[in-house]
Amino acid sequence: MRILMVAAAAALAAGCFGGLKNEAQAPNTYRIDAPRFEAGSTLVSDLSVVVERTAPGLDVDRIAGRWPGKRLDYLAGARWAERLPMLLQSALVESFQDSGRLRSVQGDVGRFRSTHALVIDVRRFEADYTAGGMPLAQVELSATMGRLSDARVLASFTVSASESAPENRQTAVVAALESAFAKASRELAAKSFAAIEADAVAR
């Protein structure tokens, strides 16, 4: 019996200190690509884009889902490449930059002088399972466009979009969220450009 106990202790020590493997699988990491905005007239404007706030439970790097009973949870084994606010801000800055319609675009206020600021709150960015069946990607963004020289609000608006996932798989849910975000972002951009144009005419 004593020999067996010694052998078991030796085996346990070898397992703990000699290469016992962690079988937990690393989560899959996803990013959101920058949507493409429609071409239009060039605006002599420098824009700061800031995602300032998110709804409770969304300021994380996890992919949120909404279930019946107002329950918010997260997809197992899946992560965004960074916290959701920074992920979306990076994508939007890239989209506005690539539009070619602005003199400059940056992701904060103060590093360089900007003429306008677009401040965004993320109200919804989740896979909605409340209806049963396949998840529905829901995106809702609330935005305020302002002129920085006198801190004047030029426009406030909310945009939203949804996209059904064809199957209940990580890749399908992420693709649906990306598609819904692209739809909402294009409306966001159109209203933002319109506000800047109106401001230029008024001045």
C-alpha atoms as a PDB file:
ATOM      1  CA  MET A   1       0.000   0.000   0.000  1.00  0.00           C
ATOM      2  CA  ARG A   2       2.810   2.393   0.903  1.00  0.00           C
ATOM      3  CA  ILE A   3       4.512   1.692  -2.431  1.00  0.00           C
ATOM      4  CA  LEU A   4       1.277   2.433  -4.290  1.00  0.00           C
ATOM      5  CA  MET A   5       0.803   5.740  -2.439  1.00  0.00           C
ATOM      6  CA  VAL A   6       4.366   6.809  -3.211  1.00  0.00           C
ATOM      7  CA  ALA A   7       3.910   5.914  -6.878  1.00  0.00           C
ATOM      8  CA  ALA A   8       0.643   7.878  -7.075  1.00  0.00           C
ATOM      9  CA  ALA A   9       2.247  10.919  -5.467  1.00  0.00           C
ATOM     10  CA  ALA A  10       5.130  10.746  -7.928  1.00  0.00           C
ATOM     11  CA  ALA A  11       2.764  10.525 -10.872  1.00  0.00           C
ATOM     12  CA  LEU A  12       0.779  13.528  -9.597  1.00  0.00           C
ATOM     13  CA  ALA A  13       3.952  15.568  -9.183  1.00  0.00           C
ATOM     14  CA  ALA A  14       5.058  14.654 -12.678  1.00  0.00           C
ATOM     15  CA  GLY A  15       1.703  15.786 -14.000  1.00  0.00           C
ATOM     16  CA  CYS A  16       1.739  19.113 -12.161  1.00  0.00           C
ATOM     17  CA  PHE A  17       5.295  20.066 -12.900  1.00  0.00           C
ATOM     18  CA  GLY A  18       6.239  17.972 -15.903  1.00  0.00           C
ATOM     19  CA  GLY A  19       3.949  19.165 -18.677  1.00  0.00           C
ATOM     20  CA  LEU A  20       0.316  18.588 -17.672  1.00  0.00           C
ATOM     21  CA  LYS A  21      -1.559  20.144 -20.611  1.00  0.00           C
ATOM     22  CA  ASN A  22      -4.356  22.677 -20.341  1.00  0.00           C
ATOM     23  CA  GLU A  23      -7.161  21.292 -22.478  1.00  0.00           C
ATOM     24  CA  ALA A  24      -9.173  24.562 -22.472  1.00  0.00           C
ATOM     25  CA  GLN A  25      -9.422  25.848 -26.037  1.00  0.00           C
ATOM     26  CA  ALA A  26      -8.468  29.462 -26.688  1.00  0.00           C
ATOM     27  CA  PRO A  27     -11.454  31.591 -27.793  1.00  0.00           C
ATOM     28  CA  ASN A  28     -11.862  32.521 -31.438  1.00  0.00           C
ATOM     29  CA  THR A  29     -11.097  36.206 -32.029  1.00  0.00           C
ATOM     30  CA  TYR A  30     -13.056  38.351 -34.484  1.00  0.00           C
ATOM     31  CA  ARG A  31     -12.794  41.895 -35.838  1.00  0.00           C
ATOM     32  CA  ILE A  32     -15.206  44.168 -37.685  1.00  0.00           C
ATOM     33  CA  ASP A  33     -14.119  45.397 -41.121  1.00  0.00           C
ATOM     34  CA  ALA A  34     -14.607  49.065 -41.981  1.00  0.00           C
ATOM     35  CA  PRO A  35     -17.764  49.625 -44.080  1.00  0.00           C
ATOM     36  CA  ARG A  36     -17.447  51.449 -47.391  1.00  0.00           C
ATOM     37  CA  PHE A  37     -19.284  54.771 -47.635  1.00  0.00           C
ATOM     38  CA  GLU A  38     -20.744  56.190 -50.835  1.00  0.00           C
ATOM     39  CA  ALA A  39     -18.731  58.782 -52.723  1.00  0.00           C
ATOM     40  CA  GLY A  40     -19.794  62.415 -52.670  1.00  0.00           C
ATOM     41  CA  SER A  41     -18.568  65.989 -52.690  1.00  0.00           C
ATOM     42  CA  THR A  42     -15.370  66.840 -50.825  1.00  0.00           C
ATOM     43  CA  LEU A  43     -15.872  68.735 -47.574  1.00  0.00           C
ATOM     44  CA  VAL A  44     -13.227  71.066 -46.135  1.00  0.00           C
ATOM     45  CA  SER A  45     -13.652  69.634 -42.669  1.00  0.00           C
ATOM     46  CA  ASP A  46     -11.586  67.832 -40.051  1.00  0.00           C
ATOM     47  CA  LEU A  47     -13.641  65.267 -38.159  1.00  0.00           C
ATOM     48  CA  SER A  48     -13.095  63.566 -34.818  1.00  0.00           C
ATOM     49  CA  VAL A  49     -15.032  60.314 -34.369  1.00  0.00           C
ATOM     50  CA  VAL A  50     -15.532  59.136 -30.797  1.00  0.00           C
ATOM     51  CA  VAL A  51     -17.510  56.149 -29.530  1.00  0.00           C
ATOM     52  CA  GLU A  52     -18.185  57.533 -26.081  1.00  0.00           C
ATOM     53  CA  ARG A  53     -20.610  55.191 -24.322  1.00  0.00           C
ATOM     54  CA  THR A  54     -22.191  51.782 -24.685  1.00  0.00           C
ATOM     55  CA  ALA A  55     -25.266  50.202 -23.188  1.00  0.00           C
ATOM     56  CA  PRO A  56     -24.609  48.208 -20.002  1.00  0.00           C
ATOM     57  CA  GLY A  57     -22.858  44.936 -20.725  1.00  0.00           C
ATOM     58  CA  LEU A  58     -21.408  45.980 -24.099  1.00  0.00           C
ATOM     59  CA  ASP A  59     -18.184  47.698 -23.013  1.00  0.00           C
ATOM     60  CA  VAL A  60     -16.313  44.394 -23.197  1.00  0.00           C
ATOM     61  CA  ASP A  61     -14.430  42.283 -25.729  1.00  0.00           C
ATOM     62  CA  ARG A  62     -17.079  39.545 -25.586  1.00  0.00           C
ATOM     63  CA  ILE A  63     -19.830  39.021 -28.167  1.00  0.00           C
ATOM     64  CA  ALA A  64     -23.175  39.739 -26.542  1.00  0.00           C
ATOM     65  CA  GLY A  65     -26.429  37.872 -26.981  1.00  0.00           C
ATOM     66  CA  ARG A  66     -29.903  38.661 -25.701  1.00  0.00           C
ATOM     67  CA  TRP A  67     -32.159  35.833 -24.518  1.00  0.00           C
ATOM     68  CA  PRO A  68     -35.755  35.663 -23.254  1.00  0.00           C
ATOM     69  CA  GLY A  69     -36.360  37.144 -19.833  1.00  0.00           C
ATOM     70  CA  LYS A  70     -34.175  40.185 -20.590  1.00  0.00           C
ATOM     71  CA  ARG A  71     -31.107  38.023 -20.051  1.00  0.00           C
ATOM     72  CA  LEU A  72     -27.827  39.263 -21.473  1.00  0.00           C
ATOM     73  CA  ASP A  73     -25.088  36.696 -21.963  1.00  0.00           C
ATOM     74  CA  TYR A  74     -22.064  36.159 -24.180  1.00  0.00           C
ATOM     75  CA  LEU A  75     -21.207  33.678 -26.917  1.00  0.00           C
ATOM     76  CA  ALA A  76     -18.997  30.919 -25.553  1.00  0.00           C
ATOM     77  CA  GLY A  77     -15.521  30.640 -27.015  1.00  0.00           C
ATOM     78  CA  ALA A  78     -15.684  33.916 -28.960  1.00  0.00           C
ATOM     79  CA  ARG A  79     -14.103  37.334 -28.474  1.00  0.00           C
ATOM     80  CA  TRP A  80     -13.797  40.620 -30.316  1.00  0.00           C
ATOM     81  CA  ALA A  81     -10.236  41.664 -31.141  1.00  0.00           C
ATOM     82  CA  GLU A  82     -10.600  44.496 -28.578  1.00  0.00           C
ATOM     83  CA  ARG A  83     -13.286  46.099 -26.461  1.00  0.00           C
ATOM     84  CA  LEU A  84     -16.377  46.782 -28.544  1.00  0.00           C
ATOM     85  CA  PRO A  85     -16.265  50.636 -28.333  1.00  0.00           C
ATOM     86  CA  MET A  86     -12.680  50.767 -29.613  1.00  0.00           C
ATOM     87  CA  LEU A  87     -13.392  48.108 -32.246  1.00  0.00           C
ATOM     88  CA  LEU A  88     -16.272  50.138 -33.693  1.00  0.00           C
ATOM     89  CA  GLN A  89     -14.459  53.467 -33.383  1.00  0.00           C
ATOM     90  CA  SER A  90     -11.469  52.114 -35.319  1.00  0.00           C
ATOM     91  CA  ALA A  91     -13.756  50.798 -38.063  1.00  0.00           C
ATOM     92  CA  LEU A  92     -15.658  54.092 -38.344  1.00  0.00           C
ATOM     93  CA  VAL A  93     -12.495  56.216 -38.425  1.00  0.00           C
ATOM     94  CA  GLU A  94     -11.159  54.038 -41.232  1.00  0.00           C
ATOM     95  CA  SER A  95     -14.456  54.297 -43.130  1.00  0.00           C
ATOM     96  CA  PHE A  96     -14.579  58.096 -42.915  1.00  0.00           C
ATOM     97  CA  GLN A  97     -10.913  58.310 -43.896  1.00  0.00           C
ATOM     98  CA  ASP A  98     -11.388  56.034 -46.904  1.00  0.00           C
ATOM     99  CA  SER A  99     -14.425  57.996 -48.074  1.00  0.00           C
ATOM    100  CA  GLY A 100     -12.059  60.745 -49.256  1.00  0.00           C
ATOM    101  CA  ARG A 101     -14.682  63.357 -48.456  1.00  0.00           C
ATOM    102  CA  LEU A 102     -12.947  64.948 -45.471  1.00  0.00           C
ATOM    103  CA  ARG A 103      -9.663  66.768 -45.049  1.00  0.00           C
ATOM    104  CA  SER A 104      -8.742  64.620 -42.050  1.00  0.00           C
ATOM    105  CA  VAL A 105     -10.299  62.120 -39.649  1.00  0.00           C
ATOM    106  CA  GLN A 106      -9.054  61.096 -36.222  1.00  0.00           C
ATOM    107  CA  GLY A 107     -10.258  58.901 -33.413  1.00  0.00           C
ATOM    108  CA  ASP A 108     -10.299  61.396 -30.563  1.00  0.00           C
ATOM    109  CA  VAL A 109     -10.769  65.066 -29.785  1.00  0.00           C
ATOM    110  CA  GLY A 110      -7.715  67.148 -28.981  1.00  0.00           C
ATOM    111  CA  ARG A 111      -4.712  65.466 -30.563  1.00  0.00           C
ATOM    112  CA  PHE A 112      -5.099  67.580 -33.705  1.00  0.00           C
ATOM    113  CA  ARG A 113      -7.440  70.481 -34.272  1.00  0.00           C
ATOM    114  CA  SER A 114     -10.778  69.379 -35.691  1.00  0.00           C
ATOM    115  CA  THR A 115     -13.616  71.440 -37.050  1.00  0.00           C
ATOM    116  CA  HIS A 116     -16.330  68.890 -36.191  1.00  0.00           C
ATOM    117  CA  ALA A 117     -16.881  66.001 -33.811  1.00  0.00           C
ATOM    118  CA  LEU A 118     -19.125  62.976 -34.163  1.00  0.00           C
ATOM    119  CA  VAL A 119     -19.897  61.444 -30.766  1.00  0.00           C
ATOM    120  CA  ILE A 120     -21.557  58.026 -30.797  1.00  0.00           C
ATOM    121  CA  ASP A 121     -23.296  55.898 -28.192  1.00  0.00           C
ATOM    122  CA  VAL A 122     -23.792  52.182 -28.835  1.00  0.00           C
ATOM    123  CA  ARG A 123     -27.304  51.262 -27.737  1.00  0.00           C
ATOM    124  CA  ARG A 124     -27.425  47.760 -29.200  1.00  0.00           C
ATOM    125  CA  PHE A 125     -24.826  45.438 -30.665  1.00  0.00           C
ATOM    126  CA  GLU A 126     -25.918  41.906 -29.971  1.00  0.00           C
ATOM    127  CA  ALA A 127     -27.326  38.675 -31.323  1.00  0.00           C
ATOM    128  CA  ASP A 128     -31.006  38.579 -30.372  1.00  0.00           C
ATOM    129  CA  TYR A 129     -32.347  35.123 -29.487  1.00  0.00           C
ATOM    130  CA  THR A 130     -35.585  36.303 -27.883  1.00  0.00           C
ATOM    131  CA  ALA A 131     -37.832  35.225 -30.787  1.00  0.00           C
ATOM    132  CA  GLY A 132     -36.483  31.687 -30.887  1.00  0.00           C
ATOM    133  CA  GLY A 133     -34.968  30.106 -33.954  1.00  0.00           C
ATOM    134  CA  MET A 134     -31.960  31.684 -35.640  1.00  0.00           C
ATOM    135  CA  PRO A 135     -30.370  34.759 -33.981  1.00  0.00           C
ATOM    136  CA  LEU A 136     -31.070  38.249 -35.290  1.00  0.00           C
ATOM    137  CA  ALA A 137     -28.156  40.688 -35.255  1.00  0.00           C
ATOM    138  CA  GLN A 138     -29.291  44.029 -33.816  1.00  0.00           C
ATOM    139  CA  VAL A 139     -27.266  47.245 -34.085  1.00  0.00           C
ATOM    140  CA  GLU A 140     -28.400  50.666 -32.883  1.00  0.00           C
ATOM    141  CA  LEU A 141     -26.196  53.756 -32.708  1.00  0.00           C
ATOM    142  CA  SER A 142     -27.102  57.178 -31.309  1.00  0.00           C
ATOM    143  CA  ALA A 143     -24.995  60.058 -32.632  1.00  0.00           C
ATOM    144  CA  THR A 144     -24.447  63.774 -32.145  1.00  0.00           C
ATOM    145  CA  MET A 145     -22.619  65.915 -34.703  1.00  0.00           C
ATOM    146  CA  GLY A 146     -21.157  69.135 -33.340  1.00  0.00           C
ATOM    147  CA  ARG A 147     -19.059  72.111 -34.419  1.00  0.00           C
ATOM    148  CA  LEU A 148     -16.059  72.410 -32.143  1.00  0.00           C
ATOM    149  CA  SER A 149     -15.298  76.133 -32.525  1.00  0.00           C
ATOM    150  CA  ASP A 150     -18.360  77.078 -30.466  1.00  0.00           C
ATOM    151  CA  ALA A 151     -19.481  73.656 -29.153  1.00  0.00           C
ATOM    152  CA  ARG A 152     -22.696  73.900 -31.147  1.00  0.00           C
ATOM    153  CA  VAL A 153     -24.790  70.789 -31.786  1.00  0.00           C
ATOM    154  CA  LEU A 154     -25.587  70.541 -35.490  1.00  0.00           C
ATOM    155  CA  ALA A 155     -27.588  67.310 -35.522  1.00  0.00           C
ATOM    156  CA  SER A 156     -28.616  64.421 -33.304  1.00  0.00           C
ATOM    157  CA  PHE A 157     -29.941  61.182 -34.718  1.00  0.00           C
ATOM    158  CA  THR A 158     -30.263  57.446 -34.175  1.00  0.00           C
ATOM    159  CA  VAL A 159     -29.606  54.769 -36.779  1.00  0.00           C
ATOM    160  CA  SER A 160     -30.363  51.073 -36.526  1.00  0.00           C
ATOM    161  CA  ALA A 161     -30.232  47.932 -38.619  1.00  0.00           C
ATOM    162  CA  SER A 162     -30.795  44.206 -38.233  1.00  0.00           C
ATOM    163  CA  GLU A 163     -29.616  41.124 -40.096  1.00  0.00           C
ATOM    164  CA  SER A 164     -30.733  37.522 -39.703  1.00  0.00           C
ATOM    165  CA  ALA A 165     -28.022  34.923 -39.224  1.00  0.00           C
ATOM    166  CA  PRO A 166     -28.598  31.912 -41.492  1.00  0.00           C
ATOM    167  CA  GLU A 167     -27.435  29.509 -38.782  1.00  0.00           C
ATOM    168  CA  ASN A 168     -26.588  29.549 -35.108  1.00  0.00           C
ATOM    169  CA  ARG A 169     -22.816  29.454 -35.492  1.00  0.00           C
ATOM    170  CA  GLN A 170     -20.147  31.916 -34.360  1.00  0.00           C
ATOM    171  CA  THR A 171     -19.057  32.846 -37.868  1.00  0.00           C
ATOM    172  CA  ALA A 172     -22.650  33.354 -39.029  1.00  0.00           C
ATOM    173  CA  VAL A 173     -23.518  35.514 -36.001  1.00  0.00           C
ATOM    174  CA  VAL A 174     -20.385  37.659 -36.433  1.00  0.00           C
ATOM    175  CA  ALA A 175     -21.077  38.073 -40.154  1.00  0.00           C
ATOM    176  CA  ALA A 176     -24.654  39.153 -39.409  1.00  0.00           C
ATOM    177  CA  LEU A 177     -23.463  41.691 -36.829  1.00  0.00           C
ATOM    178  CA  GLU A 178     -20.902  43.047 -39.298  1.00  0.00           C
ATOM    179  CA  SER A 179     -23.579  43.365 -42.006  1.00  0.00           C
ATOM    180  CA  ALA A 180     -26.008  45.153 -39.666  1.00  0.00           C
ATOM    181  CA  PHE A 181     -23.217  47.477 -38.519  1.00  0.00           C
ATOM    182  CA  ALA A 182     -22.358  48.319 -42.139  1.00  0.00           C
ATOM    183  CA  LYS A 183     -26.003  49.223 -42.887  1.00  0.00           C
ATOM    184  CA  ALA A 184     -26.317  51.411 -39.793  1.00  0.00           C
ATOM    185  CA  SER A 185     -22.918  53.026 -40.431  1.00  0.00           C
ATOM    186  CA  ARG A 186     -23.802  54.054 -43.984  1.00  0.00           C
ATOM    187  CA  GLU A 187     -26.909  55.828 -42.715  1.00  0.00           C
ATOM    188  CA  LEU A 188     -24.803  57.368 -39.947  1.00  0.00           C
ATOM    189  CA  ALA A 189     -22.310  58.644 -42.531  1.00  0.00           C
ATOM    190  CA  ALA A 190     -24.991  60.070 -44.833  1.00  0.00           C
ATOM    191  CA  LYS A 191     -26.539  62.045 -41.975  1.00  0.00           C
ATOM    192  CA  SER A 192     -23.111  63.161 -40.730  1.00  0.00           C
ATOM    193  CA  PHE A 193     -22.042  64.440 -44.146  1.00  0.00           C
ATOM    194  CA  ALA A 194     -25.389  66.196 -44.553  1.00  0.00           C
ATOM    195  CA  ALA A 195     -24.937  67.982 -41.213  1.00  0.00           C
ATOM    196  CA  ILE A 196     -21.433  69.168 -42.156  1.00  0.00           C
ATOM    197  CA  GLU A 197     -22.634  70.361 -45.564  1.00  0.00           C
ATOM    198  CA  ALA A 198     -25.544  72.265 -44.010  1.00  0.00           C
ATOM    199  CA  ASP A 199     -23.164  73.886 -41.545  1.00  0.00           C
ATOM    200  CA  ALA A 200     -20.877  75.030 -44.371  1.00  0.00           C
ATOM    201  CA  VAL A 201     -23.807  76.559 -46.264  1.00  0.00           C
ATOM    202  CA  ALA A 202     -25.115  78.316 -43.142  1.00  0.00           C
ATOM    203  CA  ARG A 203     -21.743  79.897 -42.462  1.00  0.00           C
END
